[in-house]
Amino acid sequence: MLVDTEGLVVEARVPDQDAIRHLLEPARSRLAHLSYLWVEAGYRGRSKEWAEQVLGLEVEVVNRSSKPAPEKVLGVWA
């Protein structure tokens, strides 16, 4: 599923490996200055290779970090 930055569905049934093409192919002419792209792990493999080979981008896969544990806050009550 391909969603926008607000989580609204742009196109259903699109695997991550193909979604990058749906996003970047139509915008190629408007992204002439784009040279570096960060993507999540779902875009590694053929989508990363496509962006590097076809668009000439440097693509870095960013792995999701685990959520930090909530800090315990000790309060002092007056």
PDB file of N, CA and C in Angstrom:
ATOM      1  N   MET A   1       0.849  -1.172   0.000  1.00  0.00           N
ATOM      2  CA  MET A   1       0.000   0.000   0.000  1.00  0.00           C
ATOM      3  C   MET A   1       0.893   1.233   0.000  1.00  0.00           C
ATOM      4  N   LEU A   2       0.559   2.178  -0.817  1.00  0.00           N
ATOM      5  CA  LEU A   2       1.312   3.417  -0.932  1.00  0.00           C
ATOM      6  C   LEU A   2       0.496   4.521  -0.269  1.00  0.00           C
ATOM      7  N   VAL A   3       1.087   5.176   0.745  1.00  0.00           N
ATOM      8  CA  VAL A   3       0.382   6.227   1.474  1.00  0.00           C
ATOM      9  C   VAL A   3       1.183   7.520   1.416  1.00  0.00           C
ATOM     10  N   ASP A   4       0.472   8.628   1.641  1.00  0.00           N
ATOM     11  CA  ASP A   4       1.155   9.918   1.673  1.00  0.00           C
ATOM     12  C   ASP A   4       1.674  10.180   3.083  1.00  0.00           C
ATOM     13  N   THR A   5       2.228  11.359   3.300  1.00  0.00           N
ATOM     14  CA  THR A   5       2.839  11.667   4.595  1.00  0.00           C
ATOM     15  C   THR A   5       1.836  11.743   5.731  1.00  0.00           C
ATOM     16  N   GLU A   6       0.550  11.848   5.404  1.00  0.00           N
ATOM     17  CA  GLU A   6      -0.479  11.868   6.438  1.00  0.00           C
ATOM     18  C   GLU A   6      -1.129  10.496   6.620  1.00  0.00           C
ATOM     19  N   GLY A   7      -0.637   9.496   5.891  1.00  0.00           N
ATOM     20  CA  GLY A   7      -1.165   8.149   6.023  1.00  0.00           C
ATOM     21  C   GLY A   7      -2.370   7.862   5.151  1.00  0.00           C
ATOM     22  N   LEU A   8      -2.712   8.773   4.245  1.00  0.00           N
ATOM     23  CA  LEU A   8      -3.844   8.554   3.354  1.00  0.00           C
ATOM     24  C   LEU A   8      -3.416   7.674   2.177  1.00  0.00           C
ATOM     25  N   VAL A   9      -4.260   6.741   1.797  1.00  0.00           N
ATOM     26  CA  VAL A   9      -3.926   5.784   0.743  1.00  0.00           C
ATOM     27  C   VAL A   9      -3.849   6.490  -0.606  1.00  0.00           C
ATOM     28  N   VAL A  10      -2.711   6.339  -1.281  1.00  0.00           N
ATOM     29  CA  VAL A  10      -2.515   6.876  -2.614  1.00  0.00           C
ATOM     30  C   VAL A  10      -2.819   5.769  -3.626  1.00  0.00           C
ATOM     31  N   GLU A  11      -2.317   4.584  -3.354  1.00  0.00           N
ATOM     32  CA  GLU A  11      -2.558   3.443  -4.230  1.00  0.00           C
ATOM     33  C   GLU A  11      -2.476   2.179  -3.383  1.00  0.00           C
ATOM     34  N   ALA A  12      -3.445   1.304  -3.552  1.00  0.00           N
ATOM     35  CA  ALA A  12      -3.476   0.063  -2.779  1.00  0.00           C
ATOM     36  C   ALA A  12      -2.733  -1.040  -3.525  1.00  0.00           C
ATOM     37  N   ARG A  13      -2.362  -2.050  -2.791  1.00  0.00           N
ATOM     38  CA  ARG A  13      -1.711  -3.249  -3.340  1.00  0.00           C
ATOM     39  C   ARG A  13      -0.422  -2.952  -4.095  1.00  0.00           C
ATOM     40  N   VAL A  14       0.364  -2.058  -3.565  1.00  0.00           N
ATOM     41  CA  VAL A  14       1.668  -1.764  -4.154  1.00  0.00           C
ATOM     42  C   VAL A  14       2.721  -2.160  -3.139  1.00  0.00           C
ATOM     43  N   PRO A  15       3.513  -3.200  -3.447  1.00  0.00           N
ATOM     44  CA  PRO A  15       4.567  -3.572  -2.504  1.00  0.00           C
ATOM     45  C   PRO A  15       5.628  -2.476  -2.429  1.00  0.00           C
ATOM     46  N   ASP A  16       6.295  -2.388  -1.288  1.00  0.00           N
ATOM     47  CA  ASP A  16       7.336  -1.367  -1.097  1.00  0.00           C
ATOM     48  C   ASP A  16       8.354  -1.381  -2.232  1.00  0.00           C
ATOM     49  N   GLN A  17       8.706  -2.565  -2.699  1.00  0.00           N
ATOM     50  CA  GLN A  17       9.721  -2.670  -3.749  1.00  0.00           C
ATOM     51  C   GLN A  17       9.306  -1.958  -5.035  1.00  0.00           C
ATOM     52  N   ASP A  18       8.004  -1.802  -5.264  1.00  0.00           N
ATOM     53  CA  ASP A  18       7.523  -1.124  -6.473  1.00  0.00           C
ATOM     54  C   ASP A  18       7.056   0.299  -6.209  1.00  0.00           C
ATOM     55  N   ALA A  19       6.767   0.621  -4.965  1.00  0.00           N
ATOM     56  CA  ALA A  19       6.216   1.933  -4.621  1.00  0.00           C
ATOM     57  C   ALA A  19       7.163   3.068  -4.972  1.00  0.00           C
ATOM     58  N   ILE A  20       8.452   2.844  -4.842  1.00  0.00           N
ATOM     59  CA  ILE A  20       9.415   3.916  -5.120  1.00  0.00           C
ATOM     60  C   ILE A  20       9.310   4.383  -6.566  1.00  0.00           C
ATOM     61  N   ARG A  21       9.037   3.462  -7.472  1.00  0.00           N
ATOM     62  CA  ARG A  21       8.860   3.840  -8.880  1.00  0.00           C
ATOM     63  C   ARG A  21       7.596   4.662  -9.073  1.00  0.00           C
ATOM     64  N   HIS A  22       6.519   4.273  -8.389  1.00  0.00           N
ATOM     65  CA  HIS A  22       5.260   5.006  -8.493  1.00  0.00           C
ATOM     66  C   HIS A  22       5.417   6.439  -7.978  1.00  0.00           C
ATOM     67  N   LEU A  23       6.294   6.630  -7.010  1.00  0.00           N
ATOM     68  CA  LEU A  23       6.511   7.961  -6.448  1.00  0.00           C
ATOM     69  C   LEU A  23       7.475   8.811  -7.264  1.00  0.00           C
ATOM     70  N   LEU A  24       8.601   8.227  -7.634  1.00  0.00           N
ATOM     71  CA  LEU A  24       9.677   9.018  -8.231  1.00  0.00           C
ATOM     72  C   LEU A  24       9.643   9.125  -9.746  1.00  0.00           C
ATOM     73  N   GLU A  25       9.135   8.109 -10.428  1.00  0.00           N
ATOM     74  CA  GLU A  25       9.128   8.130 -11.896  1.00  0.00           C
ATOM     75  C   GLU A  25       8.380   9.348 -12.448  1.00  0.00           C
ATOM     76  N   PRO A  26       7.137   9.623 -11.997  1.00  0.00           N
ATOM     77  CA  PRO A  26       6.418  10.779 -12.541  1.00  0.00           C
ATOM     78  C   PRO A  26       7.050  12.130 -12.164  1.00  0.00           C
ATOM     79  N   ALA A  27       7.840  12.151 -11.118  1.00  0.00           N
ATOM     80  CA  ALA A  27       8.407  13.416 -10.630  1.00  0.00           C
ATOM     81  C   ALA A  27       9.861  13.618 -11.046  1.00  0.00           C
ATOM     82  N   ARG A  28      10.388  12.744 -11.876  1.00  0.00           N
ATOM     83  CA  ARG A  28      11.816  12.814 -12.248  1.00  0.00           C
ATOM     84  C   ARG A  28      12.243  14.198 -12.727  1.00  0.00           C
ATOM     85  N   SER A  29      11.463  14.803 -13.590  1.00  0.00           N
ATOM     86  CA  SER A  29      11.862  16.107 -14.145  1.00  0.00           C
ATOM     87  C   SER A  29      11.847  17.206 -13.088  1.00  0.00           C
ATOM     88  N   ARG A  30      11.018  17.056 -12.062  1.00  0.00           N
ATOM     89  CA  ARG A  30      10.949  18.067 -10.997  1.00  0.00           C
ATOM     90  C   ARG A  30      11.964  17.804  -9.896  1.00  0.00           C
ATOM     91  N   LEU A  31      12.649  16.669  -9.959  1.00  0.00           N
ATOM     92  CA  LEU A  31      13.621  16.304  -8.927  1.00  0.00           C
ATOM     93  C   LEU A  31      15.053  16.330  -9.463  1.00  0.00           C
ATOM     94  N   ALA A  32      15.304  17.201 -10.386  1.00  0.00           N
ATOM     95  CA  ALA A  32      16.617  17.258 -11.033  1.00  0.00           C
ATOM     96  C   ALA A  32      17.763  17.473 -10.043  1.00  0.00           C
ATOM     97  N   HIS A  33      17.496  18.148  -8.924  1.00  0.00           N
ATOM     98  CA  HIS A  33      18.549  18.440  -7.959  1.00  0.00           C
ATOM     99  C   HIS A  33      18.656  17.385  -6.855  1.00  0.00           C
ATOM    100  N   LEU A  34      17.758  16.418  -6.878  1.00  0.00           N
ATOM    101  CA  LEU A  34      17.791  15.361  -5.869  1.00  0.00           C
ATOM    102  C   LEU A  34      18.968  14.433  -6.151  1.00  0.00           C
ATOM    103  N   SER A  35      19.823  14.226  -5.143  1.00  0.00           N
ATOM    104  CA  SER A  35      20.984  13.364  -5.347  1.00  0.00           C
ATOM    105  C   SER A  35      21.118  12.288  -4.273  1.00  0.00           C
ATOM    106  N   TYR A  36      20.421  12.451  -3.161  1.00  0.00           N
ATOM    107  CA  TYR A  36      20.568  11.526  -2.038  1.00  0.00           C
ATOM    108  C   TYR A  36      19.187  11.194  -1.509  1.00  0.00           C
ATOM    109  N   LEU A  37      18.973   9.928  -1.176  1.00  0.00           N
ATOM    110  CA  LEU A  37      17.660   9.496  -0.736  1.00  0.00           C
ATOM    111  C   LEU A  37      17.808   8.553   0.447  1.00  0.00           C
ATOM    112  N   TRP A  38      17.063   8.824   1.513  1.00  0.00           N
ATOM    113  CA  TRP A  38      17.002   7.916   2.646  1.00  0.00           C
ATOM    114  C   TRP A  38      15.724   7.109   2.502  1.00  0.00           C
ATOM    115  N   VAL A  39      15.813   5.808   2.667  1.00  0.00           N
ATOM    116  CA  VAL A  39      14.640   4.941   2.579  1.00  0.00           C
ATOM    117  C   VAL A  39      14.623   3.985   3.757  1.00  0.00           C
ATOM    118  N   GLU A  40      13.418   3.498   4.111  1.00  0.00           N
ATOM    119  CA  GLU A  40      13.332   2.500   5.176  1.00  0.00           C
ATOM    120  C   GLU A  40      13.673   1.139   4.602  1.00  0.00           C
ATOM    121  N   ALA A  41      13.820   0.158   5.475  1.00  0.00           N
ATOM    122  CA  ALA A  41      14.300  -1.166   5.096  1.00  0.00           C
ATOM    123  C   ALA A  41      13.447  -1.841   4.024  1.00  0.00           C
ATOM    124  N   GLY A  42      12.162  -1.523   3.935  1.00  0.00           N
ATOM    125  CA  GLY A  42      11.304  -2.132   2.927  1.00  0.00           C
ATOM    126  C   GLY A  42      11.702  -1.797   1.502  1.00  0.00           C
ATOM    127  N   TYR A  43      12.518  -0.769   1.329  1.00  0.00           N
ATOM    128  CA  TYR A  43      12.927  -0.336  -0.001  1.00  0.00           C
ATOM    129  C   TYR A  43      14.299  -0.860  -0.422  1.00  0.00           C
ATOM    130  N   ARG A  44      14.907  -1.699   0.410  1.00  0.00           N
ATOM    131  CA  ARG A  44      16.194  -2.253  -0.020  1.00  0.00           C
ATOM    132  C   ARG A  44      15.945  -3.261  -1.124  1.00  0.00           C
ATOM    133  N   GLY A  45      16.964  -3.646  -1.809  1.00  0.00           N
ATOM    134  CA  GLY A  45      16.793  -4.606  -2.898  1.00  0.00           C
ATOM    135  C   GLY A  45      16.552  -3.913  -4.227  1.00  0.00           C
ATOM    136  N   ARG A  46      15.566  -4.419  -4.976  1.00  0.00           N
ATOM    137  CA  ARG A  46      15.376  -3.927  -6.348  1.00  0.00           C
ATOM    138  C   ARG A  46      14.960  -2.458  -6.411  1.00  0.00           C
ATOM    139  N   SER A  47      14.240  -1.959  -5.415  1.00  0.00           N
ATOM    140  CA  SER A  47      13.852  -0.551  -5.468  1.00  0.00           C
ATOM    141  C   SER A  47      15.046   0.359  -5.220  1.00  0.00           C
ATOM    142  N   LYS A  48      15.916  -0.030  -4.317  1.00  0.00           N
ATOM    143  CA  LYS A  48      17.143   0.733  -4.057  1.00  0.00           C
ATOM    144  C   LYS A  48      18.026   0.724  -5.299  1.00  0.00           C
ATOM    145  N   GLU A  49      18.173  -0.451  -5.897  1.00  0.00           N
ATOM    146  CA  GLU A  49      18.993  -0.581  -7.104  1.00  0.00           C
ATOM    147  C   GLU A  49      18.421   0.241  -8.254  1.00  0.00           C
ATOM    148  N   TRP A  50      17.093   0.241  -8.385  1.00  0.00           N
ATOM    149  CA  TRP A  50      16.451   1.020  -9.454  1.00  0.00           C
ATOM    150  C   TRP A  50      16.749   2.509  -9.274  1.00  0.00           C
ATOM    151  N   ALA A  51      16.585   3.017  -8.063  1.00  0.00           N
ATOM    152  CA  ALA A  51      16.827   4.443  -7.807  1.00  0.00           C
ATOM    153  C   ALA A  51      18.282   4.808  -8.074  1.00  0.00           C
ATOM    154  N   GLU A  52      19.184   3.916  -7.742  1.00  0.00           N
ATOM    155  CA  GLU A  52      20.610   4.187  -7.973  1.00  0.00           C
ATOM    156  C   GLU A  52      20.950   4.128  -9.459  1.00  0.00           C
ATOM    157  N   GLN A  53      20.465   3.100 -10.139  1.00  0.00           N
ATOM    158  CA  GLN A  53      20.837   2.897 -11.543  1.00  0.00           C
ATOM    159  C   GLN A  53      20.074   3.798 -12.503  1.00  0.00           C
ATOM    160  N   VAL A  54      18.774   3.908 -12.332  1.00  0.00           N
ATOM    161  CA  VAL A  54      17.954   4.676 -13.273  1.00  0.00           C
ATOM    162  C   VAL A  54      17.980   6.168 -12.973  1.00  0.00           C
ATOM    163  N   LEU A  55      17.874   6.519 -11.702  1.00  0.00           N
ATOM    164  CA  LEU A  55      17.830   7.934 -11.340  1.00  0.00           C
ATOM    165  C   LEU A  55      19.192   8.501 -10.967  1.00  0.00           C
ATOM    166  N   GLY A  56      20.177   7.627 -10.770  1.00  0.00           N
ATOM    167  CA  GLY A  56      21.509   8.096 -10.414  1.00  0.00           C
ATOM    168  C   GLY A  56      21.608   8.660  -9.011  1.00  0.00           C
ATOM    169  N   LEU A  57      20.744   8.182  -8.109  1.00  0.00           N
ATOM    170  CA  LEU A  57      20.738   8.664  -6.735  1.00  0.00           C
ATOM    171  C   LEU A  57      21.641   7.824  -5.848  1.00  0.00           C
ATOM    172  N   GLU A  58      22.146   8.440  -4.805  1.00  0.00           N
ATOM    173  CA  GLU A  58      22.813   7.701  -3.744  1.00  0.00           C
ATOM    174  C   GLU A  58      21.713   7.376  -2.736  1.00  0.00           C
ATOM    175  N   VAL A  59      21.517   6.088  -2.454  1.00  0.00           N
ATOM    176  CA  VAL A  59      20.408   5.659  -1.606  1.00  0.00           C
ATOM    177  C   VAL A  59      20.951   4.996  -0.352  1.00  0.00           C
ATOM    178  N   GLU A  60      20.496   5.468   0.806  1.00  0.00           N
ATOM    179  CA  GLU A  60      20.886   4.887   2.088  1.00  0.00           C
ATOM    180  C   GLU A  60      19.647   4.282   2.747  1.00  0.00           C
ATOM    181  N   VAL A  61      19.764   3.014   3.130  1.00  0.00           N
ATOM    182  CA  VAL A  61      18.682   2.349   3.847  1.00  0.00           C
ATOM    183  C   VAL A  61      18.859   2.636   5.330  1.00  0.00           C
ATOM    184  N   VAL A  62      17.831   3.208   5.936  1.00  0.00           N
ATOM    185  CA  VAL A  62      17.876   3.568   7.345  1.00  0.00           C
ATOM    186  C   VAL A  62      17.047   2.556   8.110  1.00  0.00           C
ATOM    187  N   ASN A  63      17.687   1.859   9.033  1.00  0.00           N
ATOM    188  CA  ASN A  63      16.985   0.868   9.838  1.00  0.00           C
ATOM    189  C   ASN A  63      16.285   1.550  10.999  1.00  0.00           C
ATOM    190  N   ARG A  64      15.098   1.062  11.279  1.00  0.00           N
ATOM    191  CA  ARG A  64      14.310   1.616  12.385  1.00  0.00           C
ATOM    192  C   ARG A  64      14.995   1.269  13.694  1.00  0.00           C
ATOM    193  N   SER A  65      15.128   2.256  14.551  1.00  0.00           N
ATOM    194  CA  SER A  65      15.716   1.994  15.859  1.00  0.00           C
ATOM    195  C   SER A  65      14.605   1.583  16.817  1.00  0.00           C
ATOM    196  N   SER A  66      14.973   0.850  17.822  1.00  0.00           N
ATOM    197  CA  SER A  66      13.964   0.465  18.805  1.00  0.00           C
ATOM    198  C   SER A  66      13.566   1.689  19.616  1.00  0.00           C
ATOM    199  N   LYS A  67      12.335   1.659  20.094  1.00  0.00           N
ATOM    200  CA  LYS A  67      11.851   2.796  20.874  1.00  0.00           C
ATOM    201  C   LYS A  67      12.580   2.842  22.213  1.00  0.00           C
ATOM    202  N   PRO A  68      12.998   4.028  22.614  1.00  0.00           N
ATOM    203  CA  PRO A  68      13.666   4.120  23.911  1.00  0.00           C
ATOM    204  C   PRO A  68      12.657   3.851  25.034  1.00  0.00           C
ATOM    205  N   ALA A  69      13.148   3.243  26.093  1.00  0.00           N
ATOM    206  CA  ALA A  69      12.288   2.986  27.244  1.00  0.00           C
ATOM    207  C   ALA A  69      11.939   4.306  27.899  1.00  0.00           C
ATOM    208  N   PRO A  70      10.697   4.437  28.369  1.00  0.00           N
ATOM    209  CA  PRO A  70      10.340   5.691  29.038  1.00  0.00           C
ATOM    210  C   PRO A  70      11.182   5.893  30.289  1.00  0.00           C
ATOM    211  N   GLU A  71      11.576   7.122  30.491  1.00  0.00           N
ATOM    212  CA  GLU A  71      12.390   7.426  31.680  1.00  0.00           C
ATOM    213  C   GLU A  71      11.480   7.564  32.894  1.00  0.00           C
ATOM    214  N   LYS A  72      11.953   7.079  33.991  1.00  0.00           N
ATOM    215  CA  LYS A  72      11.209   7.233  35.240  1.00  0.00           C
ATOM    216  C   LYS A  72      11.526   8.606  35.807  1.00  0.00           C
ATOM    217  N   VAL A  73      10.510   9.334  36.131  1.00  0.00           N
ATOM    218  CA  VAL A  73      10.708  10.663  36.692  1.00  0.00           C
ATOM    219  C   VAL A  73      10.271  10.627  38.141  1.00  0.00           C
ATOM    220  N   LEU A  74      11.180  10.984  39.015  1.00  0.00           N
ATOM    221  CA  LEU A  74      10.863  11.042  40.419  1.00  0.00           C
ATOM    222  C   LEU A  74      10.470  12.466  40.766  1.00  0.00           C
ATOM    223  N   GLY A  75       9.287  12.634  41.271  1.00  0.00           N
ATOM    224  CA  GLY A  75       8.812  13.975  41.594  1.00  0.00           C
ATOM    225  C   GLY A  75       8.947  14.249  43.088  1.00  0.00           C
ATOM    226  N   VAL A  76       9.101  15.483  43.397  1.00  0.00           N
ATOM    227  CA  VAL A  76       9.147  15.919  44.791  1.00  0.00           C
ATOM    228  C   VAL A  76       7.911  16.762  45.015  1.00  0.00           C
ATOM    229  N   TRP A  77       7.117  16.345  45.956  1.00  0.00           N
ATOM    230  CA  TRP A  77       5.868  17.046  46.229  1.00  0.00           C
ATOM    231  C   TRP A  77       6.056  17.957  47.427  1.00  0.00           C
ATOM    232  N   ALA A  78       5.601  19.156  47.292  1.00  0.00           N
ATOM    233  CA  ALA A  78       5.748  20.110  48.398  1.00  0.00           C
ATOM    234  C   ALA A  78       4.570  20.014  49.332  1.00  0.00           C
TER     235      ALA A  78
END
